[in-house]
N, C-alpha and C. Protein backbone atom coordinates (compact mmCIF):
# COMPACT_ATOMS: atom_id res chain seq x y z
N MET A 1 97.23 88.63 139.51
CA MET A 1 98.23 89.08 139.42
C MET A 1 99.31 88.59 140.41
N ASP A 2 100.47 88.33 139.87
CA ASP A 2 101.75 88.44 141.02
C ASP A 2 101.91 89.51 142.23
N PRO A 3 101.48 89.48 143.43
CA PRO A 3 101.39 90.30 144.36
C PRO A 3 102.81 91.40 144.17
N ALA A 4 103.99 90.66 144.21
CA ALA A 4 105.25 90.57 144.32
C ALA A 4 105.73 91.51 143.11
N SER A 5 105.01 91.45 141.86
CA SER A 5 105.54 92.09 140.63
C SER A 5 105.36 93.60 141.03
N PRO A 6 106.56 94.18 140.31
CA PRO A 6 106.69 95.57 140.34
C PRO A 6 105.56 96.31 139.41
N ARG A 7 105.37 95.65 138.45
CA ARG A 7 104.32 95.84 137.26
C ARG A 7 102.89 96.65 137.98
N SER A 8 102.77 97.71 137.33
CA SER A 8 101.35 98.49 137.29
C SER A 8 100.22 97.49 137.11
N PRO A 9 98.94 97.41 137.23
CA PRO A 9 98.04 96.75 136.84
C PRO A 9 97.90 97.00 135.03
N GLU A 10 98.04 97.99 134.64
CA GLU A 10 97.80 98.34 133.19
C GLU A 10 98.97 97.71 132.61
N ARG A 11 100.00 97.74 133.14
CA ARG A 11 101.14 97.02 131.99
C ARG A 11 101.15 95.52 132.50
N PHE A 12 100.41 95.22 133.73
CA PHE A 12 100.61 93.93 133.71
C PHE A 12 99.25 93.11 132.85
N ILE A 13 98.11 93.94 132.57
CA ILE A 13 97.07 93.33 131.67
C ILE A 13 97.58 93.71 130.06
N ALA A 14 98.93 94.58 129.93
CA ALA A 14 98.99 94.72 128.71
C ALA A 14 100.06 94.18 128.31
N ASP A 15 100.63 93.34 128.96
CA ASP A 15 101.86 92.23 129.04
C ASP A 15 101.23 91.01 128.96
N PHE A 16 99.99 90.83 129.74
CA PHE A 16 99.56 89.55 129.67
C PHE A 16 98.95 89.44 128.04
N PHE A 17 98.24 90.18 127.50
CA PHE A 17 97.23 89.81 126.40
C PHE A 17 98.69 89.83 125.27
N THR A 18 99.60 90.45 125.19
CA THR A 18 100.44 90.87 124.33
C THR A 18 101.56 89.61 124.36
N GLU A 19 101.72 89.22 125.27
CA GLU A 19 102.87 87.75 125.99
C GLU A 19 101.88 86.54 125.30
N PHE A 20 100.47 86.30 125.50
CA PHE A 20 99.85 85.03 125.25
C PHE A 20 99.48 85.17 123.74
N THR A 21 99.13 86.62 123.38
CA THR A 21 99.14 86.69 121.66
C THR A 21 100.35 85.98 120.88
N ALA A 22 101.63 86.57 121.54
CA ALA A 22 102.71 86.40 120.75
C ALA A 22 103.09 84.39 120.61
N ALA A 23 102.64 84.14 121.66
CA ALA A 23 103.12 82.92 122.22
C ALA A 23 101.90 81.59 121.05
N ALA A 24 101.12 82.35 121.37
CA ALA A 24 99.90 81.79 120.50
C ALA A 24 100.01 81.66 118.62
N LEU A 25 100.87 82.88 118.45
CA LEU A 25 101.00 82.74 117.22
C LEU A 25 101.97 82.29 116.55
N ALA A 26 102.90 81.27 117.89
CA ALA A 26 104.41 81.06 117.40
C ALA A 26 104.07 79.50 116.68
N ALA A 27 104.47 79.44 115.16
CA ALA A 27 104.02 78.45 114.51
C ALA A 27 104.47 77.14 115.23
N ASP A 28 105.61 77.04 115.77
CA ASP A 28 106.10 75.62 116.21
C ASP A 28 105.66 75.37 117.88
N ALA A 29 104.67 76.40 118.38
CA ALA A 29 104.37 76.57 119.87
C ALA A 29 102.96 75.20 119.87
N ASP A 30 102.71 74.35 120.95
CA ASP A 30 101.69 73.72 120.93
C ASP A 30 100.63 74.56 121.93
N PRO A 31 99.77 74.60 120.76
CA PRO A 31 98.20 75.37 121.38
C PRO A 31 98.16 75.34 123.07
N ALA A 32 97.88 73.98 123.29
CA ALA A 32 97.60 73.44 124.76
C ALA A 32 98.49 73.99 125.88
N GLU A 33 99.85 73.83 125.57
CA GLU A 33 101.00 74.58 126.10
C GLU A 33 101.03 75.98 126.28
N VAL A 34 100.27 76.26 125.17
CA VAL A 34 100.59 78.22 125.20
C VAL A 34 99.38 78.19 126.45
N VAL A 35 98.03 78.04 126.21
CA VAL A 35 97.32 78.02 127.14
C VAL A 35 97.41 77.85 128.54
N ASP A 36 97.86 76.53 128.44
CA ASP A 36 98.42 76.30 130.21
C ASP A 36 99.57 77.35 130.91
N ARG A 37 100.07 77.68 129.91
CA ARG A 37 101.29 78.89 130.61
C ARG A 37 100.50 80.30 130.98
N PHE A 38 99.37 80.30 130.17
CA PHE A 38 98.75 81.40 130.50
C PHE A 38 97.80 81.66 131.47
N HIS A 39 97.02 80.12 131.50
CA HIS A 39 95.51 80.01 131.76
C HIS A 39 95.72 79.05 132.98
N ALA A 40 94.95 79.20 133.98
CA ALA A 40 94.80 78.16 134.84
C ALA A 40 93.76 77.24 134.50
N PRO A 41 93.94 75.48 134.92
CA PRO A 41 93.23 74.44 134.37
C PRO A 41 91.99 74.63 134.59
N GLU A 42 91.57 75.32 135.71
CA GLU A 42 89.95 75.95 135.89
C GLU A 42 89.26 76.66 135.14
N VAL A 43 90.16 77.53 134.25
CA VAL A 43 89.95 78.43 133.12
C VAL A 43 88.28 78.21 132.70
N VAL A 44 87.51 79.75 133.05
CA VAL A 44 86.61 79.91 132.48
C VAL A 44 86.57 81.28 131.80
N GLN A 45 86.37 81.31 130.37
CA GLN A 45 86.15 82.96 129.87
C GLN A 45 84.63 83.05 129.34
N ILE A 46 84.05 84.01 129.52
CA ILE A 46 82.92 84.38 128.97
C ILE A 46 83.14 85.57 128.47
N ALA A 47 82.81 85.63 126.68
CA ALA A 47 83.14 86.61 126.02
C ALA A 47 81.88 86.65 125.34
N ASP A 48 81.14 88.16 125.60
CA ASP A 48 79.79 88.40 124.96
C ASP A 48 78.68 87.17 124.98
N GLY A 49 78.91 86.36 126.46
CA GLY A 49 78.13 85.14 126.67
C GLY A 49 78.28 83.68 125.75
N ILE A 50 79.48 84.07 125.62
CA ILE A 50 80.34 82.31 124.73
C ILE A 50 80.98 82.20 125.88
N ARG A 51 80.70 80.58 126.43
CA ARG A 51 81.66 80.27 127.43
C ARG A 51 82.96 79.51 126.93
N LEU A 52 84.04 79.97 127.06
CA LEU A 52 85.23 79.02 126.76
C LEU A 52 86.03 78.19 128.15
N ASP A 53 86.17 77.26 127.87
CA ASP A 53 87.01 76.37 129.14
C ASP A 53 88.27 76.05 128.56
N ARG A 54 89.06 75.65 128.99
CA ARG A 54 90.44 75.28 128.56
C ARG A 54 90.44 74.72 127.10
N ASP A 55 89.69 73.63 127.13
CA ASP A 55 89.46 73.23 125.85
C ASP A 55 88.89 73.70 124.79
N ARG A 56 88.12 74.76 124.96
CA ARG A 56 87.34 75.59 123.70
C ARG A 56 88.81 76.58 123.47
N LEU A 57 89.66 77.11 124.80
CA LEU A 57 90.42 78.14 124.28
C LEU A 57 91.40 77.35 123.53
N VAL A 58 91.83 76.44 123.47
CA VAL A 58 93.00 75.59 122.64
C VAL A 58 92.37 75.61 121.37
N ALA A 59 91.36 75.29 121.56
CA ALA A 59 90.59 75.23 119.98
C ALA A 59 90.65 76.38 119.34
N HIS A 60 90.56 77.57 119.94
CA HIS A 60 90.56 78.84 119.32
C HIS A 60 91.66 79.36 118.65
N LEU A 61 92.93 78.60 119.08
CA LEU A 61 94.00 79.48 118.91
C LEU A 61 94.42 79.17 117.26
N ARG A 62 94.04 77.83 117.10
CA ARG A 62 94.39 77.25 115.74
C ARG A 62 93.65 78.40 114.68
N PRO A 63 92.73 78.74 114.59
CA PRO A 63 91.77 79.48 113.57
C PRO A 63 92.43 81.13 113.78
N MET A 64 92.72 81.37 114.93
CA MET A 64 93.58 82.66 115.14
C MET A 64 94.86 82.96 114.83
N ARG A 65 95.57 81.42 114.59
CA ARG A 65 96.74 81.71 114.18
C ARG A 65 96.58 81.75 112.51
N LYS A 66 95.98 80.90 112.12
CA LYS A 66 95.56 81.42 110.55
C LYS A 66 94.95 82.75 110.26
N ASN A 67 94.51 83.35 111.22
CA ASN A 67 93.76 84.53 110.58
C ASN A 67 94.25 85.83 111.13
N LEU A 68 94.87 86.07 111.97
CA LEU A 68 95.25 86.82 112.67
C LEU A 68 96.67 87.47 112.28
N ARG A 69 96.82 88.63 111.62
CA ARG A 69 98.27 88.88 110.92
C ARG A 69 99.07 90.20 111.72
N ASP A 70 98.69 90.82 112.75
CA ASP A 70 99.22 92.04 113.39
C ASP A 70 98.16 92.33 114.46
N TYR A 71 98.90 92.81 115.87
CA TYR A 71 97.85 93.24 116.71
C TYR A 71 98.52 94.00 117.60
N ARG A 72 97.96 94.56 118.42
CA ARG A 72 98.34 95.69 119.47
C ARG A 72 97.26 95.94 120.51
N PHE A 73 97.73 95.82 121.86
CA PHE A 73 96.73 96.18 122.93
C PHE A 73 96.99 97.45 123.50
N GLU A 74 95.74 98.47 123.48
CA GLU A 74 95.73 99.59 124.05
C GLU A 74 95.06 99.41 125.24
N VAL A 75 95.89 99.62 126.65
CA VAL A 75 94.97 99.38 127.73
C VAL A 75 94.55 100.73 128.29
N HIS A 76 93.60 101.53 128.40
CA HIS A 76 93.10 102.76 128.87
C HIS A 76 92.65 102.70 130.20
N GLU A 77 92.43 101.80 130.96
CA GLU A 77 92.45 101.93 132.44
C GLU A 77 92.19 100.37 133.10
N VAL A 78 92.56 100.23 134.24
CA VAL A 78 92.40 99.26 134.77
C VAL A 78 92.23 99.29 136.65
N ILE A 79 91.59 98.66 137.11
CA ILE A 79 91.09 98.66 138.42
C ILE A 79 91.45 97.26 139.35
N ALA A 80 92.62 97.05 139.95
CA ALA A 80 92.76 96.00 140.65
C ALA A 80 92.51 96.03 142.12
N ASP A 81 91.88 94.63 142.50
CA ASP A 81 91.41 94.35 143.80
C ASP A 81 92.24 93.25 144.02
N GLY A 82 93.48 92.85 144.83
CA GLY A 82 94.05 92.18 144.56
C GLY A 82 94.03 91.07 143.41
N ALA A 83 93.52 90.01 143.42
CA ALA A 83 93.81 89.19 142.32
C ALA A 83 92.87 89.31 141.14
N ARG A 84 91.62 90.08 141.63
CA ARG A 84 90.41 90.39 140.52
C ARG A 84 91.04 91.99 140.11
N MET A 85 90.60 92.02 138.32
CA MET A 85 90.95 93.14 138.09
C MET A 85 89.73 93.49 136.82
N ALA A 86 89.48 94.98 137.10
CA ALA A 86 88.45 95.38 135.77
C ALA A 86 89.21 96.05 134.97
N ALA A 87 89.08 96.10 133.67
CA ALA A 87 90.09 96.45 132.66
C ALA A 87 89.44 96.97 131.71
N ARG A 88 89.49 97.91 131.12
CA ARG A 88 89.07 98.28 129.71
C ARG A 88 90.33 98.68 128.82
N LEU A 89 90.18 97.86 127.69
CA LEU A 89 91.11 97.96 126.63
C LEU A 89 90.61 97.97 125.19
N THR A 90 91.62 98.29 124.28
CA THR A 90 90.95 98.32 122.87
C THR A 90 92.13 97.61 122.11
N ILE A 91 91.64 96.19 121.55
CA ILE A 91 92.60 95.23 120.59
C ILE A 91 92.56 95.77 119.61
N HIS A 92 93.38 96.30 118.71
CA HIS A 92 93.94 96.58 117.37
C HIS A 92 94.34 95.55 116.48
N ALA A 93 93.79 95.35 115.53
CA ALA A 93 94.06 93.53 114.91
C ALA A 93 94.13 93.98 113.12
N THR A 94 95.01 93.13 112.79
CA THR A 94 94.94 93.10 110.98
C THR A 94 94.51 91.63 110.90
N MET A 95 93.49 91.31 110.32
CA MET A 95 92.96 89.89 109.97
C MET A 95 93.22 89.72 108.67
N ARG A 96 93.35 88.42 108.10
CA ARG A 96 94.00 88.11 106.95
C ARG A 96 92.87 88.19 106.23
N THR A 97 91.72 88.09 106.16
CA THR A 97 90.49 88.57 105.19
C THR A 97 89.94 89.66 105.40
N THR A 98 89.77 90.08 106.40
CA THR A 98 88.80 91.54 106.86
C THR A 98 89.74 93.03 106.84
N GLY A 99 91.13 92.53 106.76
CA GLY A 99 91.77 93.75 107.29
C GLY A 99 91.54 94.35 108.74
N THR A 100 91.89 95.41 108.84
CA THR A 100 92.17 96.28 110.34
C THR A 100 90.51 96.44 110.82
N VAL A 101 90.53 95.93 112.01
CA VAL A 101 89.63 95.87 113.34
C VAL A 101 89.84 96.16 114.26
N ALA A 102 89.09 97.22 115.06
CA ALA A 102 89.39 97.37 116.37
C ALA A 102 88.16 96.69 117.50
N THR A 103 88.33 96.38 118.52
CA THR A 103 87.40 95.83 119.48
C THR A 103 87.62 96.59 120.77
N GLU A 104 86.82 97.23 121.23
CA GLU A 104 86.99 97.82 122.66
C GLU A 104 86.53 96.55 123.74
N VAL A 105 87.29 96.15 124.71
CA VAL A 105 86.92 95.25 125.72
C VAL A 105 86.70 95.79 127.02
N PHE A 106 85.56 95.21 127.67
CA PHE A 106 85.42 95.68 129.26
C PHE A 106 85.59 94.13 129.90
N LEU A 107 86.73 94.05 130.42
CA LEU A 107 87.18 92.72 131.17
C LEU A 107 87.18 92.62 132.65
N PHE A 108 86.23 92.19 133.47
CA PHE A 108 86.38 91.75 134.60
C PHE A 108 87.10 90.00 134.75
N GLY A 109 88.03 90.24 135.30
CA GLY A 109 89.07 88.92 135.27
C GLY A 109 89.39 88.70 136.98
N GLU A 110 89.85 87.21 137.03
CA GLU A 110 90.47 87.11 138.26
C GLU A 110 91.43 86.23 137.44
N PHE A 111 92.82 86.37 138.28
CA PHE A 111 93.98 85.93 138.32
C PHE A 111 95.01 85.15 139.21
N THR A 112 95.78 83.87 138.82
CA THR A 112 96.26 83.19 140.26
C THR A 112 97.19 84.10 140.71
N PRO A 113 97.80 83.48 141.88
CA PRO A 113 98.84 84.32 142.37
C PRO A 113 100.32 84.32 141.30
N ASP A 114 100.20 83.38 140.40
CA ASP A 114 101.20 83.26 139.87
C ASP A 114 101.30 84.13 138.46
N GLY A 115 99.75 84.55 138.14
CA GLY A 115 99.70 85.54 137.24
C GLY A 115 98.85 84.96 135.81
N LYS A 116 98.11 83.68 136.28
CA LYS A 116 97.50 83.14 134.91
C LYS A 116 95.95 83.40 135.40
N LEU A 117 95.28 83.84 134.22
CA LEU A 117 93.86 84.09 134.21
C LEU A 117 93.24 82.55 134.44
N ARG A 118 92.31 82.90 135.59
CA ARG A 118 91.69 82.00 136.28
C ARG A 118 90.40 82.22 135.65
N ARG A 119 89.71 83.53 135.78
CA ARG A 119 88.29 83.59 135.19
C ARG A 119 88.29 85.17 134.33
N ALA A 120 87.30 85.05 133.44
CA ALA A 120 87.23 86.46 132.52
C ALA A 120 85.70 86.41 131.98
N ASP A 121 84.92 87.80 132.70
CA ASP A 121 84.03 87.99 132.11
C ASP A 121 84.23 89.04 130.99
N GLN A 122 83.82 89.30 129.66
CA GLN A 122 84.03 89.98 128.54
C GLN A 122 82.88 90.49 128.00
N LEU A 123 82.75 91.90 127.76
CA LEU A 123 81.49 92.40 126.71
C LEU A 123 82.88 93.26 125.95
N THR A 124 82.14 93.08 124.58
CA THR A 124 83.14 93.52 123.69
C THR A 124 82.10 94.77 122.54
N ARG A 125 82.91 95.37 122.18
CA ARG A 125 82.02 96.26 120.92
C ARG A 125 83.04 96.49 120.05
N PRO A 126 82.63 96.87 118.42
CA PRO A 126 83.91 96.83 117.48
C PRO A 126 83.88 98.64 117.62
N VAL A 127 85.06 99.07 117.32
CA VAL A 127 84.97 101.09 117.50
C VAL A 127 86.11 101.13 115.89
N ALA A 128 85.88 102.53 115.60
CA ALA A 128 86.60 102.51 114.84
C ALA A 128 88.09 102.22 114.97
N ALA A 129 88.66 101.67 113.79
CA ALA A 129 90.03 101.44 113.73
C ALA A 129 90.84 102.49 113.67
């Protein structure tokens, strides 16, 4: 998180995921450029035991574009310690084939000074939509 930012940690997390998702869904946006705009080059994201590096994140955007129809991030709480954050949020999403789903996310992340995600460990679970 940018230390000079006036945003609260909750607003930072909400903005990060909302802006990243909007950019990722833009039909004319290059997936690699989108990932690089929001993630450090050495990014590692582990979600439910699945490890994604930069290349796998770029590959993940293609099916996301095809399947995600609508989304909203509900940030419940965030604890920040400098560049590190722990957050609990719910992703509300409407998918092309499965309809509306809600996923609670427990995130432990580290951000660069300019607000890019460097590392994230996430546990998720489905919740009532």
